Amino acid sequence: TELGGKVITLSDSKGAMYLPDGINDEIWQAVYETKAIKHGRLEEVAEKFGLPWHAGKKAWDIVDAVDVAFPCATQNEIDLNDAKKLVDAGVMAVVEGANMPSTLEAIDHFHENGVLFGPAKAANAGGVAVSGLEMSQNSIRLQWTPEEVDKKLHEIMVNIYKTSAKYAEKYGHPGNLVVGSNIAGFVKVADSMIDQGIY
């Protein structure tokens, strides 16, 4: 919601919760406590707040209109049928927040339909980036404020996007961040190996 978005669904392995008015701080805190601390189910949160619960459904099964989808749970969470539902619902972007949550067929369908697709290796790099920032702080004995860490993370993520977009364009796949991030990753590793004299 920081950028004006409205989160209307959340899901876990048992089903999906619909939030017609979007998520607020109270609901978010309950989700955090239920999932991260108690290791409970979202259904408990839905019951607590009187929100619709759809057992056995995925987040994209329960809405008719979608702007952005964030699959953040498990591998192959979005298959071709799910991708078709999302495209039919008007999705503009799919941003992977887990490791490989979309099947190859789903990714192809998104590309064929002009959906901006943020692959996990690029979009999900924030956690690793923050770990790197923490190691930097520790090694130089500094402590950054949460705002400073967030600013540095934002800069890293913008750079990842720009680099992926640049390589996608350079190698004839403009807008395809999967191709761009794959090439960018390869070039980074290859350049490092060459710099170290490994051929």
N, C-alpha and C. Protein backbone atom coordinates (compact mmCIF):
# COMPACT_ATOMS: atom_id res chain seq x y z
N THR A 1 0.81 -1.21 0.00
CA THR A 1 0.00 0.00 0.00
C THR A 1 0.86 1.27 0.00
N GLU A 2 2.13 1.15 0.29
CA GLU A 2 3.04 2.29 0.29
C GLU A 2 3.02 3.02 -1.05
N LEU A 3 2.84 2.28 -2.14
CA LEU A 3 2.83 2.88 -3.48
C LEU A 3 1.43 3.00 -4.05
N GLY A 4 0.40 2.82 -3.20
CA GLY A 4 -0.97 3.01 -3.65
C GLY A 4 -1.68 1.75 -4.08
N GLY A 5 -1.02 0.60 -3.98
CA GLY A 5 -1.68 -0.66 -4.33
C GLY A 5 -2.63 -1.10 -3.24
N LYS A 6 -3.52 -2.01 -3.59
CA LYS A 6 -4.50 -2.54 -2.64
C LYS A 6 -4.43 -4.05 -2.67
N VAL A 7 -3.95 -4.65 -1.59
CA VAL A 7 -3.85 -6.11 -1.49
C VAL A 7 -5.24 -6.66 -1.21
N ILE A 8 -5.77 -7.48 -2.13
CA ILE A 8 -7.14 -7.97 -1.94
C ILE A 8 -7.22 -9.48 -1.71
N THR A 9 -6.11 -10.20 -1.89
CA THR A 9 -6.11 -11.63 -1.60
C THR A 9 -4.80 -12.03 -0.94
N LEU A 10 -4.90 -13.02 -0.08
CA LEU A 10 -3.74 -13.69 0.50
C LEU A 10 -4.07 -15.17 0.52
N SER A 11 -3.06 -16.01 0.35
CA SER A 11 -3.35 -17.44 0.35
C SER A 11 -2.25 -18.22 1.05
N ASP A 12 -2.60 -19.42 1.47
CA ASP A 12 -1.61 -20.39 1.93
C ASP A 12 -1.98 -21.74 1.33
N SER A 13 -1.35 -22.79 1.77
CA SER A 13 -1.56 -24.09 1.12
C SER A 13 -2.96 -24.66 1.34
N LYS A 14 -3.75 -24.05 2.21
CA LYS A 14 -5.10 -24.56 2.49
C LYS A 14 -6.21 -23.76 1.82
N GLY A 15 -5.88 -22.59 1.26
CA GLY A 15 -6.92 -21.80 0.62
C GLY A 15 -6.55 -20.35 0.50
N ALA A 16 -7.56 -19.52 0.17
CA ALA A 16 -7.32 -18.10 -0.07
C ALA A 16 -8.33 -17.25 0.68
N MET A 17 -7.86 -16.11 1.14
CA MET A 17 -8.67 -15.15 1.88
C MET A 17 -8.89 -13.93 1.00
N TYR A 18 -10.13 -13.43 0.97
CA TYR A 18 -10.47 -12.25 0.18
C TYR A 18 -10.62 -11.05 1.11
N LEU A 19 -9.96 -9.96 0.75
CA LEU A 19 -10.00 -8.73 1.55
C LEU A 19 -10.63 -7.62 0.71
N PRO A 20 -11.96 -7.50 0.71
CA PRO A 20 -12.62 -6.56 -0.20
C PRO A 20 -12.18 -5.11 -0.01
N ASP A 21 -11.79 -4.73 1.21
CA ASP A 21 -11.36 -3.36 1.47
C ASP A 21 -9.83 -3.23 1.50
N GLY A 22 -9.14 -4.30 1.15
CA GLY A 22 -7.69 -4.30 1.19
C GLY A 22 -7.17 -4.63 2.58
N ILE A 23 -5.88 -4.79 2.68
CA ILE A 23 -5.27 -5.14 3.96
C ILE A 23 -4.97 -3.86 4.75
N ASN A 24 -5.07 -3.95 6.07
CA ASN A 24 -4.70 -2.82 6.93
C ASN A 24 -3.67 -3.32 7.94
N ASP A 25 -3.18 -2.41 8.77
CA ASP A 25 -2.12 -2.78 9.72
C ASP A 25 -2.57 -3.86 10.70
N GLU A 26 -3.83 -3.79 11.15
CA GLU A 26 -4.33 -4.76 12.12
C GLU A 26 -4.38 -6.17 11.50
N ILE A 27 -4.88 -6.25 10.28
CA ILE A 27 -4.93 -7.55 9.60
C ILE A 27 -3.52 -8.05 9.32
N TRP A 28 -2.64 -7.14 8.85
CA TRP A 28 -1.26 -7.54 8.56
C TRP A 28 -0.58 -8.10 9.81
N GLN A 29 -0.77 -7.44 10.94
CA GLN A 29 -0.16 -7.90 12.19
C GLN A 29 -0.70 -9.29 12.56
N ALA A 30 -2.00 -9.50 12.35
CA ALA A 30 -2.60 -10.81 12.65
C ALA A 30 -2.05 -11.88 11.72
N VAL A 31 -1.85 -11.55 10.44
CA VAL A 31 -1.27 -12.50 9.49
C VAL A 31 0.15 -12.85 9.94
N TYR A 32 0.93 -11.84 10.30
CA TYR A 32 2.30 -12.07 10.74
C TYR A 32 2.33 -12.99 11.97
N GLU A 33 1.53 -12.66 12.97
CA GLU A 33 1.53 -13.46 14.19
C GLU A 33 1.07 -14.89 13.93
N THR A 34 0.03 -15.02 13.10
CA THR A 34 -0.51 -16.35 12.82
C THR A 34 0.47 -17.21 12.04
N LYS A 35 1.08 -16.64 11.00
CA LYS A 35 1.95 -17.43 10.12
C LYS A 35 3.38 -17.55 10.66
N ALA A 36 3.98 -16.44 11.07
CA ALA A 36 5.40 -16.45 11.43
C ALA A 36 5.66 -16.90 12.86
N ILE A 37 4.74 -16.60 13.75
CA ILE A 37 4.98 -16.93 15.16
C ILE A 37 4.27 -18.22 15.57
N LYS A 38 2.98 -18.30 15.27
CA LYS A 38 2.20 -19.47 15.69
C LYS A 38 2.22 -20.61 14.68
N HIS A 39 2.70 -20.32 13.47
CA HIS A 39 2.71 -21.30 12.38
C HIS A 39 1.31 -21.84 12.11
N GLY A 40 0.35 -20.92 12.15
CA GLY A 40 -1.05 -21.27 11.93
C GLY A 40 -1.46 -21.11 10.49
N ARG A 41 -2.75 -21.04 10.27
CA ARG A 41 -3.34 -20.96 8.94
C ARG A 41 -4.04 -19.61 8.73
N LEU A 42 -4.05 -19.15 7.48
CA LEU A 42 -4.73 -17.90 7.16
C LEU A 42 -6.22 -17.98 7.47
N GLU A 43 -6.78 -19.16 7.42
CA GLU A 43 -8.20 -19.32 7.71
C GLU A 43 -8.53 -18.75 9.10
N GLU A 44 -7.59 -18.87 10.04
CA GLU A 44 -7.80 -18.31 11.38
C GLU A 44 -7.95 -16.79 11.32
N VAL A 45 -7.15 -16.15 10.48
CA VAL A 45 -7.22 -14.70 10.32
C VAL A 45 -8.55 -14.32 9.66
N ALA A 46 -8.94 -15.07 8.64
CA ALA A 46 -10.21 -14.80 7.97
C ALA A 46 -11.36 -14.88 8.96
N GLU A 47 -11.36 -15.91 9.79
CA GLU A 47 -12.41 -16.07 10.79
C GLU A 47 -12.41 -14.92 11.79
N LYS A 48 -11.23 -14.53 12.25
CA LYS A 48 -11.10 -13.46 13.24
C LYS A 48 -11.68 -12.14 12.74
N PHE A 49 -11.47 -11.84 11.44
CA PHE A 49 -11.90 -10.56 10.89
C PHE A 49 -13.19 -10.67 10.06
N GLY A 50 -13.78 -11.85 10.02
CA GLY A 50 -15.01 -12.03 9.25
C GLY A 50 -14.82 -11.87 7.75
N LEU A 51 -13.66 -12.29 7.26
CA LEU A 51 -13.34 -12.17 5.84
C LEU A 51 -13.66 -13.47 5.11
N PRO A 52 -14.08 -13.37 3.85
CA PRO A 52 -14.38 -14.59 3.09
C PRO A 52 -13.16 -15.50 2.96
N TRP A 53 -13.35 -16.79 3.23
CA TRP A 53 -12.31 -17.80 3.12
C TRP A 53 -12.73 -18.81 2.06
N HIS A 54 -11.82 -19.14 1.14
CA HIS A 54 -12.10 -20.07 0.05
C HIS A 54 -11.16 -21.26 0.17
N ALA A 55 -11.64 -22.31 0.80
CA ALA A 55 -10.82 -23.50 1.04
C ALA A 55 -10.41 -24.14 -0.28
N GLY A 56 -9.14 -24.53 -0.36
CA GLY A 56 -8.63 -25.24 -1.53
C GLY A 56 -8.43 -24.37 -2.76
N LYS A 57 -8.59 -23.06 -2.64
CA LYS A 57 -8.45 -22.16 -3.78
C LYS A 57 -7.14 -21.39 -3.71
N LYS A 58 -6.68 -20.93 -4.87
CA LYS A 58 -5.53 -20.05 -4.96
C LYS A 58 -6.03 -18.61 -5.01
N ALA A 59 -5.16 -17.67 -4.73
CA ALA A 59 -5.54 -16.26 -4.71
C ALA A 59 -6.19 -15.83 -6.02
N TRP A 60 -5.68 -16.32 -7.15
CA TRP A 60 -6.20 -15.88 -8.45
C TRP A 60 -7.47 -16.62 -8.85
N ASP A 61 -7.90 -17.58 -8.05
CA ASP A 61 -9.16 -18.27 -8.32
C ASP A 61 -10.36 -17.46 -7.85
N ILE A 62 -10.15 -16.50 -6.96
CA ILE A 62 -11.28 -15.89 -6.26
C ILE A 62 -11.54 -14.44 -6.63
N VAL A 63 -10.85 -13.92 -7.64
CA VAL A 63 -11.06 -12.54 -8.06
C VAL A 63 -11.28 -12.47 -9.56
N ASP A 64 -12.01 -11.45 -9.98
CA ASP A 64 -12.30 -11.27 -11.40
C ASP A 64 -11.38 -10.25 -12.06
N ALA A 65 -10.77 -9.38 -11.26
CA ALA A 65 -9.90 -8.34 -11.80
C ALA A 65 -8.60 -8.30 -10.99
N VAL A 66 -7.48 -8.31 -11.71
CA VAL A 66 -6.16 -8.33 -11.08
C VAL A 66 -5.25 -7.37 -11.83
N ASP A 67 -4.54 -6.53 -11.11
CA ASP A 67 -3.53 -5.68 -11.73
C ASP A 67 -2.15 -6.33 -11.66
N VAL A 68 -1.77 -6.78 -10.46
CA VAL A 68 -0.45 -7.37 -10.24
C VAL A 68 -0.59 -8.60 -9.37
N ALA A 69 0.12 -9.66 -9.72
CA ALA A 69 0.12 -10.89 -8.92
C ALA A 69 1.53 -11.15 -8.40
N PHE A 70 1.61 -11.58 -7.15
CA PHE A 70 2.88 -11.86 -6.50
C PHE A 70 2.88 -13.29 -5.96
N PRO A 71 3.23 -14.28 -6.79
CA PRO A 71 3.31 -15.65 -6.26
C PRO A 71 4.53 -15.77 -5.35
N CYS A 72 4.29 -16.07 -4.09
CA CYS A 72 5.36 -16.03 -3.09
C CYS A 72 5.43 -17.29 -2.24
N ALA A 73 4.87 -18.39 -2.70
CA ALA A 73 4.78 -19.55 -1.81
C ALA A 73 5.71 -20.69 -2.19
N THR A 74 5.54 -21.25 -3.36
CA THR A 74 6.22 -22.50 -3.66
C THR A 74 6.47 -22.64 -5.16
N GLN A 75 7.27 -23.61 -5.54
CA GLN A 75 7.53 -23.85 -6.96
C GLN A 75 6.24 -24.27 -7.67
N ASN A 76 6.13 -23.83 -8.92
CA ASN A 76 5.02 -24.20 -9.80
C ASN A 76 3.65 -23.84 -9.23
N GLU A 77 3.61 -22.78 -8.47
CA GLU A 77 2.36 -22.29 -7.89
C GLU A 77 1.41 -21.80 -8.99
N ILE A 78 1.98 -21.18 -10.03
CA ILE A 78 1.17 -20.72 -11.17
C ILE A 78 1.46 -21.62 -12.35
N ASP A 79 0.43 -22.35 -12.78
CA ASP A 79 0.57 -23.19 -13.97
C ASP A 79 -0.12 -22.49 -15.14
N LEU A 80 -0.20 -23.15 -16.28
CA LEU A 80 -0.77 -22.52 -17.48
C LEU A 80 -2.22 -22.10 -17.25
N ASN A 81 -3.02 -22.95 -16.60
CA ASN A 81 -4.41 -22.59 -16.34
C ASN A 81 -4.51 -21.35 -15.46
N ASP A 82 -3.65 -21.27 -14.45
CA ASP A 82 -3.64 -20.09 -13.59
C ASP A 82 -3.22 -18.85 -14.39
N ALA A 83 -2.23 -19.01 -15.26
CA ALA A 83 -1.77 -17.89 -16.08
C ALA A 83 -2.90 -17.39 -16.98
N LYS A 84 -3.66 -18.32 -17.54
CA LYS A 84 -4.80 -17.92 -18.38
C LYS A 84 -5.83 -17.14 -17.58
N LYS A 85 -6.11 -17.59 -16.35
CA LYS A 85 -7.06 -16.87 -15.48
C LYS A 85 -6.56 -15.46 -15.20
N LEU A 86 -5.28 -15.34 -14.90
CA LEU A 86 -4.72 -14.03 -14.59
C LEU A 86 -4.77 -13.10 -15.79
N VAL A 87 -4.43 -13.61 -16.97
CA VAL A 87 -4.49 -12.78 -18.18
C VAL A 87 -5.93 -12.36 -18.45
N ASP A 88 -6.87 -13.29 -18.31
CA ASP A 88 -8.28 -12.96 -18.51
C ASP A 88 -8.77 -11.93 -17.50
N ALA A 89 -8.16 -11.92 -16.31
CA ALA A 89 -8.54 -10.97 -15.26
C ALA A 89 -7.85 -9.62 -15.42
N GLY A 90 -7.01 -9.48 -16.46
CA GLY A 90 -6.39 -8.19 -16.76
C GLY A 90 -5.06 -7.93 -16.10
N VAL A 91 -4.38 -8.98 -15.65
CA VAL A 91 -3.10 -8.76 -14.96
C VAL A 91 -2.11 -8.03 -15.87
N MET A 92 -1.43 -7.04 -15.31
CA MET A 92 -0.43 -6.28 -16.06
C MET A 92 0.98 -6.75 -15.75
N ALA A 93 1.17 -7.29 -14.53
CA ALA A 93 2.51 -7.72 -14.13
C ALA A 93 2.41 -8.89 -13.15
N VAL A 94 3.37 -9.82 -13.28
CA VAL A 94 3.52 -10.92 -12.34
C VAL A 94 4.94 -10.84 -11.82
N VAL A 95 5.07 -10.76 -10.50
CA VAL A 95 6.38 -10.59 -9.87
C VAL A 95 6.62 -11.76 -8.92
N GLU A 96 7.62 -12.56 -9.24
CA GLU A 96 7.88 -13.76 -8.44
C GLU A 96 8.58 -13.41 -7.14
N GLY A 97 7.97 -13.84 -6.02
CA GLY A 97 8.55 -13.62 -4.71
C GLY A 97 9.00 -14.91 -4.06
N ALA A 98 9.00 -15.99 -4.82
CA ALA A 98 9.47 -17.30 -4.35
C ALA A 98 10.40 -17.85 -5.42
N ASN A 99 10.99 -18.99 -5.15
CA ASN A 99 11.87 -19.60 -6.15
C ASN A 99 11.06 -20.38 -7.16
N MET A 100 11.07 -19.91 -8.38
CA MET A 100 10.40 -20.55 -9.53
C MET A 100 8.93 -20.89 -9.26
N PRO A 101 8.11 -19.92 -8.85
CA PRO A 101 6.70 -20.23 -8.59
C PRO A 101 5.85 -20.34 -9.85
N SER A 102 6.39 -20.00 -11.00
CA SER A 102 5.63 -20.09 -12.25
C SER A 102 6.23 -21.17 -13.16
N THR A 103 5.36 -21.98 -13.76
CA THR A 103 5.86 -22.99 -14.70
C THR A 103 6.32 -22.30 -15.98
N LEU A 104 7.11 -22.99 -16.77
CA LEU A 104 7.58 -22.42 -18.04
C LEU A 104 6.42 -22.08 -18.95
N GLU A 105 5.39 -22.94 -18.96
CA GLU A 105 4.22 -22.69 -19.81
C GLU A 105 3.50 -21.42 -19.36
N ALA A 106 3.43 -21.21 -18.07
CA ALA A 106 2.79 -20.00 -17.55
C ALA A 106 3.59 -18.76 -17.96
N ILE A 107 4.90 -18.84 -17.82
CA ILE A 107 5.76 -17.70 -18.19
C ILE A 107 5.60 -17.39 -19.67
N ASP A 108 5.60 -18.41 -20.51
CA ASP A 108 5.41 -18.20 -21.95
C ASP A 108 4.07 -17.51 -22.22
N HIS A 109 3.02 -17.94 -21.52
CA HIS A 109 1.69 -17.35 -21.72
C HIS A 109 1.70 -15.87 -21.32
N PHE A 110 2.38 -15.55 -20.23
CA PHE A 110 2.46 -14.14 -19.84
C PHE A 110 3.18 -13.32 -20.91
N HIS A 111 4.31 -13.84 -21.41
CA HIS A 111 5.04 -13.11 -22.44
C HIS A 111 4.21 -12.95 -23.71
N GLU A 112 3.53 -14.02 -24.12
CA GLU A 112 2.71 -13.97 -25.33
C GLU A 112 1.58 -12.95 -25.22
N ASN A 113 1.19 -12.62 -24.01
CA ASN A 113 0.08 -11.70 -23.80
C ASN A 113 0.51 -10.33 -23.26
N GLY A 114 1.80 -10.04 -23.38
CA GLY A 114 2.31 -8.72 -23.02
C GLY A 114 2.31 -8.40 -21.54
N VAL A 115 2.31 -9.43 -20.69
CA VAL A 115 2.34 -9.22 -19.25
C VAL A 115 3.80 -9.05 -18.81
N LEU A 116 4.09 -7.98 -18.09
CA LEU A 116 5.43 -7.78 -17.55
C LEU A 116 5.69 -8.87 -16.52
N PHE A 117 6.79 -9.59 -16.68
CA PHE A 117 7.08 -10.72 -15.81
C PHE A 117 8.41 -10.51 -15.11
N GLY A 118 8.37 -10.42 -13.78
CA GLY A 118 9.58 -10.26 -12.97
C GLY A 118 10.02 -11.61 -12.45
N PRO A 119 11.06 -12.22 -13.05
CA PRO A 119 11.49 -13.56 -12.64
C PRO A 119 12.12 -13.56 -11.25
N ALA A 120 12.02 -14.70 -10.59
CA ALA A 120 12.49 -14.82 -9.20
C ALA A 120 13.94 -14.40 -9.03
N LYS A 121 14.82 -14.80 -9.97
CA LYS A 121 16.24 -14.52 -9.76
C LYS A 121 16.51 -13.02 -9.70
N ALA A 122 15.63 -12.22 -10.26
CA ALA A 122 15.79 -10.77 -10.19
C ALA A 122 14.87 -10.17 -9.12
N ALA A 123 13.59 -10.48 -9.21
CA ALA A 123 12.61 -9.87 -8.31
C ALA A 123 12.74 -10.32 -6.87
N ASN A 124 13.24 -11.53 -6.66
CA ASN A 124 13.33 -12.11 -5.33
C ASN A 124 14.74 -11.95 -4.73
N ALA A 125 15.52 -11.04 -5.30
CA ALA A 125 16.91 -10.86 -4.85
C ALA A 125 17.04 -9.97 -3.62
N GLY A 126 15.96 -9.36 -3.20
CA GLY A 126 16.02 -8.42 -2.08
C GLY A 126 16.53 -9.02 -0.78
N GLY A 127 16.09 -10.23 -0.47
CA GLY A 127 16.52 -10.88 0.78
C GLY A 127 18.01 -11.11 0.81
N VAL A 128 18.54 -11.59 -0.30
CA VAL A 128 19.99 -11.82 -0.39
C VAL A 128 20.73 -10.48 -0.34
N ALA A 129 20.16 -9.48 -0.99
CA ALA A 129 20.80 -8.16 -0.99
C ALA A 129 20.89 -7.60 0.43
N VAL A 130 19.81 -7.72 1.19
CA VAL A 130 19.83 -7.21 2.57
C VAL A 130 20.81 -7.99 3.43
N SER A 131 20.92 -9.30 3.20
CA SER A 131 21.93 -10.09 3.92
C SER A 131 23.33 -9.56 3.62
N GLY A 132 23.58 -9.22 2.36
CA GLY A 132 24.87 -8.64 1.98
C GLY A 132 25.10 -7.30 2.66
N LEU A 133 24.04 -6.49 2.75
CA LEU A 133 24.17 -5.20 3.44
C LEU A 133 24.48 -5.40 4.93
N GLU A 134 23.84 -6.41 5.53
CA GLU A 134 24.12 -6.70 6.95
C GLU A 134 25.57 -7.11 7.14
N MET A 135 26.10 -7.93 6.23
CA MET A 135 27.50 -8.34 6.34
C MET A 135 28.43 -7.14 6.19
N SER A 136 28.07 -6.22 5.28
CA SER A 136 28.88 -5.01 5.11
C SER A 136 28.88 -4.18 6.38
N GLN A 137 27.70 -4.01 6.98
CA GLN A 137 27.62 -3.25 8.23
C GLN A 137 28.50 -3.87 9.31
N ASN A 138 28.41 -5.18 9.42
CA ASN A 138 29.19 -5.88 10.45
C ASN A 138 30.68 -5.74 10.22
N SER A 139 31.11 -5.85 8.96
CA SER A 139 32.55 -5.83 8.68
C SER A 139 33.16 -4.45 8.89
N ILE A 140 32.38 -3.40 8.68
CA ILE A 140 32.92 -2.05 8.87
C ILE A 140 32.43 -1.41 10.18
N ARG A 141 31.76 -2.21 10.98
CA ARG A 141 31.29 -1.80 12.31
C ARG A 141 30.43 -0.54 12.26
N LEU A 142 29.48 -0.56 11.35
CA LEU A 142 28.52 0.53 11.22
C LEU A 142 27.13 0.00 11.49
N GLN A 143 26.22 0.90 11.82
CA GLN A 143 24.83 0.50 11.93
C GLN A 143 24.00 1.50 11.15
N TRP A 144 23.33 1.01 10.11
CA TRP A 144 22.47 1.86 9.31
C TRP A 144 21.06 1.83 9.89
N THR A 145 20.35 2.92 9.70
CA THR A 145 18.95 2.97 10.13
C THR A 145 18.12 2.12 9.16
N PRO A 146 16.93 1.71 9.58
CA PRO A 146 16.06 0.97 8.64
C PRO A 146 15.82 1.76 7.35
N GLU A 147 15.72 3.08 7.45
CA GLU A 147 15.50 3.90 6.27
C GLU A 147 16.71 3.86 5.32
N GLU A 148 17.91 3.86 5.90
CA GLU A 148 19.12 3.76 5.07
C GLU A 148 19.21 2.41 4.37
N VAL A 149 18.88 1.34 5.11
CA VAL A 149 18.90 0.00 4.51
C VAL A 149 17.86 -0.07 3.39
N ASP A 150 16.67 0.48 3.64
CA ASP A 150 15.62 0.46 2.62
C ASP A 150 16.05 1.24 1.38
N LYS A 151 16.71 2.38 1.58
CA LYS A 151 17.20 3.18 0.44
C LYS A 151 18.23 2.40 -0.37
N LYS A 152 19.17 1.76 0.33
CA LYS A 152 20.19 0.97 -0.36
C LYS A 152 19.56 -0.21 -1.10
N LEU A 153 18.58 -0.87 -0.47
CA LEU A 153 17.89 -1.98 -1.11
C LEU A 153 17.16 -1.50 -2.36
N HIS A 154 16.51 -0.35 -2.27
CA HIS A 154 15.80 0.21 -3.42
C HIS A 154 16.78 0.45 -4.58
N GLU A 155 17.94 1.01 -4.27
CA GLU A 155 18.95 1.26 -5.31
C GLU A 155 19.42 -0.05 -5.95
N ILE A 156 19.62 -1.07 -5.13
CA ILE A 156 20.05 -2.38 -5.65
C ILE A 156 18.99 -2.95 -6.58
N MET A 157 17.72 -2.90 -6.16
CA MET A 157 16.65 -3.48 -6.96
C MET A 157 16.44 -2.72 -8.27
N VAL A 158 16.56 -1.39 -8.22
CA VAL A 158 16.46 -0.60 -9.45
C VAL A 158 17.59 -0.98 -10.40
N ASN A 159 18.79 -1.16 -9.87
CA ASN A 159 19.93 -1.56 -10.69
C ASN A 159 19.72 -2.94 -11.32
N ILE A 160 19.17 -3.87 -10.54
CA ILE A 160 18.88 -5.21 -11.08
C ILE A 160 17.90 -5.10 -12.24
N TYR A 161 16.85 -4.30 -12.06
CA TYR A 161 15.87 -4.13 -13.14
C TYR A 161 16.53 -3.51 -14.37
N LYS A 162 17.25 -2.42 -14.18
CA LYS A 162 17.87 -1.73 -15.32
C LYS A 162 18.86 -2.63 -16.05
N THR A 163 19.64 -3.40 -15.30
CA THR A 163 20.62 -4.30 -15.91
C THR A 163 19.91 -5.41 -16.69
N SER A 164 18.87 -5.98 -16.12
CA SER A 164 18.11 -7.04 -16.81
C SER A 164 17.47 -6.49 -18.07
N ALA A 165 16.87 -5.31 -17.97
CA ALA A 165 16.22 -4.70 -19.14
C ALA A 165 17.25 -4.38 -20.22
N LYS A 166 18.43 -3.91 -19.82
CA LYS A 166 19.50 -3.58 -20.77
C LYS A 166 19.94 -4.81 -21.57
N TYR A 167 20.18 -5.92 -20.86
CA TYR A 167 20.64 -7.13 -21.56
C TYR A 167 19.53 -7.74 -22.41
N ALA A 168 18.30 -7.64 -21.96
CA ALA A 168 17.18 -8.14 -22.78
C ALA A 168 17.12 -7.37 -24.09
N GLU A 169 17.26 -6.06 -24.01
CA GLU A 169 17.24 -5.20 -25.20
C GLU A 169 18.45 -5.50 -26.09
N LYS A 170 19.62 -5.57 -25.48
CA LYS A 170 20.87 -5.76 -26.23
C LYS A 170 20.87 -7.06 -27.03
N TYR A 171 20.26 -8.09 -26.49
CA TYR A 171 20.29 -9.39 -27.15
C TYR A 171 18.97 -9.75 -27.84
N GLY A 172 18.19 -8.72 -28.20
CA GLY A 172 17.04 -8.92 -29.07
C GLY A 172 15.76 -9.40 -28.41
N HIS A 173 15.63 -9.22 -27.10
CA HIS A 173 14.41 -9.63 -26.39
C HIS A 173 13.91 -8.49 -25.50
N PRO A 174 13.61 -7.33 -26.11
CA PRO A 174 13.22 -6.18 -25.29
C PRO A 174 12.01 -6.51 -24.41
N GLY A 175 12.10 -6.11 -23.14
CA GLY A 175 11.01 -6.33 -22.20
C GLY A 175 10.99 -7.70 -21.55
N ASN A 176 11.82 -8.63 -22.03
CA ASN A 176 11.82 -9.98 -21.47
C ASN A 176 12.86 -10.05 -20.35
N LEU A 177 12.39 -9.84 -19.13
CA LEU A 177 13.30 -9.79 -17.99
C LEU A 177 13.85 -11.16 -17.62
N VAL A 178 13.21 -12.23 -18.08
CA VAL A 178 13.75 -13.58 -17.86
C VAL A 178 15.06 -13.71 -18.63
N VAL A 179 15.01 -13.40 -19.92
CA VAL A 179 16.21 -13.46 -20.75
C VAL A 179 17.26 -12.47 -20.22
N GLY A 180 16.82 -11.25 -19.93
CA GLY A 180 17.75 -10.23 -19.47
C GLY A 180 18.46 -10.59 -18.18
N SER A 181 17.71 -11.14 -17.21
CA SER A 181 18.34 -11.49 -15.93
C SER A 181 19.24 -12.71 -16.07
N ASN A 182 18.86 -13.65 -16.95
CA ASN A 182 19.73 -14.81 -17.20
C ASN A 182 21.07 -14.37 -17.80
N ILE A 183 21.00 -13.50 -18.80
CA ILE A 183 22.23 -13.03 -19.45
C ILE A 183 23.04 -12.18 -18.47
N ALA A 184 22.37 -11.30 -17.74
CA ALA A 184 23.08 -10.44 -16.77
C ALA A 184 23.80 -11.29 -15.73
N GLY A 185 23.14 -12.32 -15.23
CA GLY A 185 23.77 -13.21 -14.25
C GLY A 185 24.97 -13.93 -14.82
N PHE A 186 24.81 -14.41 -16.06
CA PHE A 186 25.92 -15.11 -16.72
C PHE A 186 27.11 -14.17 -16.90
N VAL A 187 26.85 -12.97 -17.40
CA VAL A 187 27.93 -12.01 -17.65
C VAL A 187 28.66 -11.66 -16.36
N LYS A 188 27.91 -11.48 -15.28
CA LYS A 188 28.54 -11.13 -13.99
C LYS A 188 29.48 -12.25 -13.53
N VAL A 189 29.01 -13.49 -13.62
CA VAL A 189 29.85 -14.62 -13.21
C VAL A 189 31.05 -14.78 -14.15
N ALA A 190 30.80 -14.69 -15.46
CA ALA A 190 31.88 -14.84 -16.44
C ALA A 190 32.94 -13.76 -16.26
N ASP A 191 32.51 -12.51 -16.08
CA ASP A 191 33.48 -11.42 -15.88
C ASP A 191 34.30 -11.64 -14.61
N SER A 192 33.65 -12.12 -13.55
CA SER A 192 34.38 -12.40 -12.30
C SER A 192 35.42 -13.48 -12.49
N MET A 193 35.05 -14.53 -13.24
CA MET A 193 36.00 -15.62 -13.50
C MET A 193 37.19 -15.13 -14.31
N ILE A 194 36.90 -14.33 -15.33
CA ILE A 194 37.98 -13.80 -16.17
C ILE A 194 38.90 -12.90 -15.34
N ASP A 195 38.29 -12.06 -14.48
CA ASP A 195 39.08 -11.17 -13.62
C ASP A 195 40.01 -11.95 -12.69
N GLN A 196 39.61 -13.17 -12.34
CA GLN A 196 40.42 -14.00 -11.45
C GLN A 196 41.36 -14.93 -12.21
N GLY A 197 41.38 -14.80 -13.54
CA GLY A 197 42.27 -15.61 -14.36
C GLY A 197 41.76 -17.00 -14.64
N ILE A 198 40.48 -17.23 -14.45
CA ILE A 198 39.89 -18.55 -14.73
C ILE A 198 39.24 -18.48 -16.11
N TYR A 199 39.76 -19.30 -17.05
CA TYR A 199 39.24 -19.25 -18.42
C TYR A 199 38.56 -20.54 -18.77
